[in-house]
């Protein structure tokens, strides 16, 4: 079994990544110590830096996740600042900002950063499109899940197993897995 350290203090993210990767023979170990997070307007450089920092510090393959919800009516806000906004405002205040908005288009984006010690980091983005619900619905998931609607239901209503099949994080991990399988089959050709 291959091992990778997933650097996050978010238990929901850790459980989602662990559950998705386990069937592929990848054991995910959680490291809650974090990494210095860059202040950037894009998710990719944050994930790349975090993965490289963690891999070199922990001396083993490391994975980080930087995610955001991007709301069209709010010009992409909160985007890369989603965690901060969630901590300070919460879903109820985001819904308040959306009052009177008819265009509720939004997307969730995750960028998985992966790096092995002494190597350059790789990034794997994943996006799922949806819209902002008019009220919080569902008790599942975490973060913005109760207000992000995908095909008529919120991620909070889906339940973990269903959400893990369609989420932005799943799509980013699928991209990582495609690269990882190719790396295993052709060890000299990849990072």
C-alpha atoms as a PDB file:
ATOM      1  CA  UNK A   1       0.000   0.000   0.000  1.00  0.00           C
ATOM      2  CA  UNK A   2       1.255   3.493  -0.881  1.00  0.00           C
ATOM      3  CA  UNK A   3       1.255   6.125   1.854  1.00  0.00           C
ATOM      4  CA  UNK A   4       0.664   9.833   1.549  1.00  0.00           C
ATOM      5  CA  UNK A   5       0.348  12.463   4.245  1.00  0.00           C
ATOM      6  CA  UNK A   6      -2.692  14.691   3.831  1.00  0.00           C
ATOM      7  CA  UNK A   7      -2.047  17.978   5.593  1.00  0.00           C
ATOM      8  CA  UNK A   8      -5.290  19.361   6.971  1.00  0.00           C
ATOM      9  CA  UNK A   9      -6.917  20.129  10.259  1.00  0.00           C
ATOM     10  CA  UNK A  10     -10.329  19.715   8.625  1.00  0.00           C
ATOM     11  CA  UNK A  11     -11.692  16.311   9.647  1.00  0.00           C
ATOM     12  CA  UNK A  12     -14.339  16.413   6.902  1.00  0.00           C
ATOM     13  CA  UNK A  13     -11.762  16.930   4.154  1.00  0.00           C
ATOM     14  CA  UNK A  14      -9.537  14.233   5.629  1.00  0.00           C
ATOM     15  CA  UNK A  15     -12.356  11.671   5.804  1.00  0.00           C
ATOM     16  CA  UNK A  16     -13.458  12.454   2.239  1.00  0.00           C
ATOM     17  CA  UNK A  17      -9.940  12.096   0.791  1.00  0.00           C
ATOM     18  CA  UNK A  18      -9.168   8.981   2.871  1.00  0.00           C
ATOM     19  CA  UNK A  19     -12.409   7.289   1.797  1.00  0.00           C
ATOM     20  CA  UNK A  20     -11.898   8.114  -1.883  1.00  0.00           C
ATOM     21  CA  UNK A  21      -8.252   6.951  -2.023  1.00  0.00           C
ATOM     22  CA  UNK A  22      -8.499   3.804   0.117  1.00  0.00           C
ATOM     23  CA  UNK A  23      -9.951   1.564  -2.644  1.00  0.00           C
ATOM     24  CA  UNK A  24      -6.975   2.510  -4.832  1.00  0.00           C
ATOM     25  CA  UNK A  25      -4.411   1.159  -2.383  1.00  0.00           C
ATOM     26  CA  UNK A  26      -3.378   4.534  -1.026  1.00  0.00           C
ATOM     27  CA  UNK A  27      -3.234   4.908   2.738  1.00  0.00           C
ATOM     28  CA  UNK A  28      -3.839   8.493   3.782  1.00  0.00           C
ATOM     29  CA  UNK A  29      -2.280   9.701   7.025  1.00  0.00           C
ATOM     30  CA  UNK A  30      -3.468  12.975   8.503  1.00  0.00           C
ATOM     31  CA  UNK A  31      -1.076  15.704   9.600  1.00  0.00           C
ATOM     32  CA  UNK A  32      -2.863  18.522  11.417  1.00  0.00           C
ATOM     33  CA  UNK A  33       0.175  20.781  11.762  1.00  0.00           C
ATOM     34  CA  UNK A  34      -0.601  22.762   8.642  1.00  0.00           C
ATOM     35  CA  UNK A  35       1.724  24.782   6.476  1.00  0.00           C
ATOM     36  CA  UNK A  36       2.358  28.487   5.901  1.00  0.00           C
ATOM     37  CA  UNK A  37      -0.485  29.498   3.613  1.00  0.00           C
ATOM     38  CA  UNK A  38       0.222  31.988   0.864  1.00  0.00           C
ATOM     39  CA  UNK A  39      -2.199  34.857   0.361  1.00  0.00           C
ATOM     40  CA  UNK A  40      -3.058  34.464  -3.310  1.00  0.00           C
ATOM     41  CA  UNK A  41      -6.081  35.121  -5.500  1.00  0.00           C
ATOM     42  CA  UNK A  42      -5.737  31.675  -7.106  1.00  0.00           C
ATOM     43  CA  UNK A  43      -5.887  28.258  -5.457  1.00  0.00           C
ATOM     44  CA  UNK A  44      -3.128  26.586  -7.512  1.00  0.00           C
ATOM     45  CA  UNK A  45      -0.073  28.380  -6.066  1.00  0.00           C
ATOM     46  CA  UNK A  46      -1.390  27.881  -2.532  1.00  0.00           C
ATOM     47  CA  UNK A  47      -1.780  24.115  -3.035  1.00  0.00           C
ATOM     48  CA  UNK A  48       1.579  23.767  -4.814  1.00  0.00           C
ATOM     49  CA  UNK A  49       3.456  25.625  -2.095  1.00  0.00           C
ATOM     50  CA  UNK A  50       1.726  23.733   0.713  1.00  0.00           C
ATOM     51  CA  UNK A  51       2.441  20.324  -0.808  1.00  0.00           C
ATOM     52  CA  UNK A  52       6.112  21.094  -1.414  1.00  0.00           C
ATOM     53  CA  UNK A  53       6.563  22.566   2.052  1.00  0.00           C
ATOM     54  CA  UNK A  54       4.928  19.542   3.715  1.00  0.00           C
ATOM     55  CA  UNK A  55       6.778  16.930   1.626  1.00  0.00           C
ATOM     56  CA  UNK A  56      10.155  18.457   2.393  1.00  0.00           C
ATOM     57  CA  UNK A  57       9.363  18.967   6.074  1.00  0.00           C
ATOM     58  CA  UNK A  58       7.818  15.513   6.653  1.00  0.00           C
ATOM     59  CA  UNK A  59      10.210  13.673   4.303  1.00  0.00           C
ATOM     60  CA  UNK A  60       7.410  11.743   2.612  1.00  0.00           C
ATOM     61  CA  UNK A  61       4.844  12.251  -0.160  1.00  0.00           C
ATOM     62  CA  UNK A  62       2.404  14.958   0.869  1.00  0.00           C
ATOM     63  CA  UNK A  63      -0.940  16.154  -0.352  1.00  0.00           C
ATOM     64  CA  UNK A  64      -2.801  19.342   0.473  1.00  0.00           C
ATOM     65  CA  UNK A  65      -6.153  20.647  -0.625  1.00  0.00           C
ATOM     66  CA  UNK A  66      -7.110  24.234  -1.178  1.00  0.00           C
ATOM     67  CA  UNK A  67     -10.746  24.793  -1.974  1.00  0.00           C
ATOM     68  CA  UNK A  68     -13.141  27.621  -2.503  1.00  0.00           C
ATOM     69  CA  UNK A  69     -16.657  28.436  -3.487  1.00  0.00           C
ATOM     70  CA  UNK A  70     -16.931  31.020  -6.251  1.00  0.00           C
ATOM     71  CA  UNK A  71     -20.256  32.868  -6.518  1.00  0.00           C
ATOM     72  CA  UNK A  72     -20.974  34.655  -9.793  1.00  0.00           C
ATOM     73  CA  UNK A  73     -23.273  37.351  -8.341  1.00  0.00           C
ATOM     74  CA  UNK A  74     -20.522  38.225  -5.858  1.00  0.00           C
ATOM     75  CA  UNK A  75     -17.809  38.423  -8.551  1.00  0.00           C
ATOM     76  CA  UNK A  76     -16.284  35.102  -7.498  1.00  0.00           C
ATOM     77  CA  UNK A  77     -16.329  35.907  -3.786  1.00  0.00           C
ATOM     78  CA  UNK A  78     -15.328  34.305  -1.462  1.00  0.00           C
ATOM     79  CA  UNK A  79     -13.068  32.212  -3.756  1.00  0.00           C
ATOM     80  CA  UNK A  80      -9.668  31.483  -2.182  1.00  0.00           C
ATOM     81  CA  UNK A  81     -10.813  33.233   0.997  1.00  0.00           C
ATOM     82  CA  UNK A  82     -13.660  30.763   1.556  1.00  0.00           C
ATOM     83  CA  UNK A  83     -12.334  29.275   4.775  1.00  0.00           C
ATOM     84  CA  UNK A  84     -11.802  32.697   6.323  1.00  0.00           C
ATOM     85  CA  UNK A  85     -15.260  33.870   5.229  1.00  0.00           C
ATOM     86  CA  UNK A  86     -16.873  30.688   6.544  1.00  0.00           C
ATOM     87  CA  UNK A  87     -15.108  31.089   9.899  1.00  0.00           C
ATOM     88  CA  UNK A  88     -15.985  34.783  10.237  1.00  0.00           C
ATOM     89  CA  UNK A  89     -19.394  35.030   8.555  1.00  0.00           C
ATOM     90  CA  UNK A  90     -20.821  31.537   8.160  1.00  0.00           C
ATOM     91  CA  UNK A  91     -23.413  30.339   5.686  1.00  0.00           C
ATOM     92  CA  UNK A  92     -26.189  32.561   7.037  1.00  0.00           C
ATOM     93  CA  UNK A  93     -24.259  35.737   6.184  1.00  0.00           C
ATOM     94  CA  UNK A  94     -23.384  34.432   2.716  1.00  0.00           C
ATOM     95  CA  UNK A  95     -27.103  33.812   2.149  1.00  0.00           C
ATOM     96  CA  UNK A  96     -27.778  37.360   3.377  1.00  0.00           C
ATOM     97  CA  UNK A  97     -25.297  38.706   0.803  1.00  0.00           C
ATOM     98  CA  UNK A  98     -27.254  36.788  -1.844  1.00  0.00           C
ATOM     99  CA  UNK A  99     -30.643  38.284  -0.913  1.00  0.00           C
ATOM    100  CA  UNK A 100     -32.298  39.715  -4.009  1.00  0.00           C
ATOM    101  CA  UNK A 101     -29.844  38.027  -6.380  1.00  0.00           C
ATOM    102  CA  UNK A 102     -31.507  36.060  -9.156  1.00  0.00           C
ATOM    103  CA  UNK A 103     -28.307  34.679 -10.659  1.00  0.00           C
ATOM    104  CA  UNK A 104     -27.279  32.158  -8.022  1.00  0.00           C
ATOM    105  CA  UNK A 105     -24.689  30.416 -10.210  1.00  0.00           C
ATOM    106  CA  UNK A 106     -21.680  29.186  -8.275  1.00  0.00           C
ATOM    107  CA  UNK A 107     -18.966  26.599  -8.443  1.00  0.00           C
ATOM    108  CA  UNK A 108     -16.854  24.746  -5.956  1.00  0.00           C
ATOM    109  CA  UNK A 109     -13.209  24.312  -6.880  1.00  0.00           C
ATOM    110  CA  UNK A 110     -10.581  22.176  -5.215  1.00  0.00           C
ATOM    111  CA  UNK A 111      -6.934  22.076  -6.134  1.00  0.00           C
ATOM    112  CA  UNK A 112      -5.021  19.094  -4.809  1.00  0.00           C
ATOM    113  CA  UNK A 113      -1.324  19.771  -4.419  1.00  0.00           C
ATOM    114  CA  UNK A 114       0.941  16.719  -4.367  1.00  0.00           C
ATOM    115  CA  UNK A 115       4.680  16.578  -3.877  1.00  0.00           C
ATOM    116  CA  UNK A 116       7.397  14.086  -3.064  1.00  0.00           C
ATOM    117  CA  UNK A 117      10.428  15.219  -1.029  1.00  0.00           C
ATOM    118  CA  UNK A 118      12.953  17.143  -3.113  1.00  0.00           C
ATOM    119  CA  UNK A 119      10.703  17.305  -6.184  1.00  0.00           C
ATOM    120  CA  UNK A 120       8.543  19.917  -7.834  1.00  0.00           C
ATOM    121  CA  UNK A 121       4.889  20.004  -6.755  1.00  0.00           C
ATOM    122  CA  UNK A 122       2.006  19.061  -9.015  1.00  0.00           C
ATOM    123  CA  UNK A 123      -1.529  20.435  -8.906  1.00  0.00           C
ATOM    124  CA  UNK A 124      -4.788  18.719  -9.807  1.00  0.00           C
ATOM    125  CA  UNK A 125      -7.899  20.912 -10.054  1.00  0.00           C
ATOM    126  CA  UNK A 126     -11.491  19.769  -9.800  1.00  0.00           C
ATOM    127  CA  UNK A 127     -14.653  21.822 -10.315  1.00  0.00           C
ATOM    128  CA  UNK A 128     -18.338  21.161  -9.779  1.00  0.00           C
ATOM    129  CA  UNK A 129     -20.924  23.683 -10.937  1.00  0.00           C
ATOM    130  CA  UNK A 130     -24.144  24.424  -9.145  1.00  0.00           C
ATOM    131  CA  UNK A 131     -25.911  27.297  -7.457  1.00  0.00           C
ATOM    132  CA  UNK A 132     -26.449  28.874  -4.086  1.00  0.00           C
ATOM    133  CA  UNK A 133     -29.626  27.659  -2.389  1.00  0.00           C
ATOM    134  CA  UNK A 134     -32.062  30.139  -0.848  1.00  0.00           C
ATOM    135  CA  UNK A 135     -31.663  28.555   2.579  1.00  0.00           C
ATOM    136  CA  UNK A 136     -29.472  26.017   4.338  1.00  0.00           C
ATOM    137  CA  UNK A 137     -30.623  22.464   3.647  1.00  0.00           C
ATOM    138  CA  UNK A 138     -29.271  19.209   5.009  1.00  0.00           C
ATOM    139  CA  UNK A 139     -27.056  18.319   7.900  1.00  0.00           C
ATOM    140  CA  UNK A 140     -24.390  16.328   6.058  1.00  0.00           C
ATOM    141  CA  UNK A 141     -20.998  17.439   4.896  1.00  0.00           C
ATOM    142  CA  UNK A 142     -19.216  20.520   6.181  1.00  0.00           C
ATOM    143  CA  UNK A 143     -18.539  24.133   5.309  1.00  0.00           C
ATOM    144  CA  UNK A 144     -20.693  25.461   2.493  1.00  0.00           C
ATOM    145  CA  UNK A 145     -22.294  22.061   1.747  1.00  0.00           C
ATOM    146  CA  UNK A 146     -25.746  23.038   3.126  1.00  0.00           C
ATOM    147  CA  UNK A 147     -26.001  26.043   0.756  1.00  0.00           C
ATOM    148  CA  UNK A 148     -24.371  24.619  -2.395  1.00  0.00           C
ATOM    149  CA  UNK A 149     -27.015  23.081  -4.627  1.00  0.00           C
ATOM    150  CA  UNK A 150     -26.072  20.466  -7.201  1.00  0.00           C
ATOM    151  CA  UNK A 151     -28.760  19.018  -9.473  1.00  0.00           C
ATOM    152  CA  UNK A 152     -31.576  20.077  -7.159  1.00  0.00           C
ATOM    153  CA  UNK A 153     -30.111  18.985  -3.819  1.00  0.00           C
ATOM    154  CA  UNK A 154     -27.503  20.561  -1.590  1.00  0.00           C
ATOM    155  CA  UNK A 155     -24.285  18.767  -0.790  1.00  0.00           C
ATOM    156  CA  UNK A 156     -25.559  18.828   2.794  1.00  0.00           C
ATOM    157  CA  UNK A 157     -28.546  16.717   1.719  1.00  0.00           C
ATOM    158  CA  UNK A 158     -26.584  14.237  -0.397  1.00  0.00           C
ATOM    159  CA  UNK A 159     -24.788  12.274   2.294  1.00  0.00           C
ATOM    160  CA  UNK A 160     -21.088  11.529   2.217  1.00  0.00           C
ATOM    161  CA  UNK A 161     -21.148   8.507  -0.107  1.00  0.00           C
ATOM    162  CA  UNK A 162     -23.143  10.307  -2.811  1.00  0.00           C
ATOM    163  CA  UNK A 163     -21.260  13.571  -2.434  1.00  0.00           C
ATOM    164  CA  UNK A 164     -17.933  11.731  -2.706  1.00  0.00           C
ATOM    165  CA  UNK A 165     -18.966  10.511  -6.173  1.00  0.00           C
ATOM    166  CA  UNK A 166     -19.565  13.985  -7.632  1.00  0.00           C
ATOM    167  CA  UNK A 167     -17.749  16.589  -5.531  1.00  0.00           C
ATOM    168  CA  UNK A 168     -15.088  19.020  -6.683  1.00  0.00           C
ATOM    169  CA  UNK A 169     -12.671  17.236  -4.364  1.00  0.00           C
ATOM    170  CA  UNK A 170     -13.534  13.905  -6.005  1.00  0.00           C
ATOM    171  CA  UNK A 171     -12.867  15.381  -9.430  1.00  0.00           C
ATOM    172  CA  UNK A 172      -9.491  16.744  -8.303  1.00  0.00           C
ATOM    173  CA  UNK A 173      -8.598  13.393  -6.747  1.00  0.00           C
ATOM    174  CA  UNK A 174      -9.661  11.571  -9.921  1.00  0.00           C
ATOM    175  CA  UNK A 175      -7.223  13.773 -11.835  1.00  0.00           C
ATOM    176  CA  UNK A 176      -4.512  12.934  -9.277  1.00  0.00           C
ATOM    177  CA  UNK A 177      -5.322   9.205  -9.537  1.00  0.00           C
ATOM    178  CA  UNK A 178      -5.027   9.286 -13.320  1.00  0.00           C
ATOM    179  CA  UNK A 179      -1.539  10.767 -12.971  1.00  0.00           C
ATOM    180  CA  UNK A 180      -0.628   8.418 -10.091  1.00  0.00           C
ATOM    181  CA  UNK A 181      -1.653   5.260 -11.990  1.00  0.00           C
ATOM    182  CA  UNK A 182       0.392   6.414 -14.978  1.00  0.00           C
ATOM    183  CA  UNK A 183       3.352   7.075 -12.662  1.00  0.00           C
ATOM    184  CA  UNK A 184       3.117   3.532 -11.274  1.00  0.00           C
ATOM    185  CA  UNK A 185       2.976   2.049 -14.776  1.00  0.00           C
ATOM    186  CA  UNK A 186       5.761   4.286 -16.141  1.00  0.00           C
ATOM    187  CA  UNK A 187       7.959   5.204 -13.147  1.00  0.00           C
ATOM    188  CA  UNK A 188      10.628   6.986 -15.198  1.00  0.00           C
ATOM    189  CA  UNK A 189       8.253   9.251 -17.118  1.00  0.00           C
ATOM    190  CA  UNK A 190       6.600  11.248 -14.313  1.00  0.00           C
ATOM    191  CA  UNK A 191       7.766  13.654 -11.599  1.00  0.00           C
END
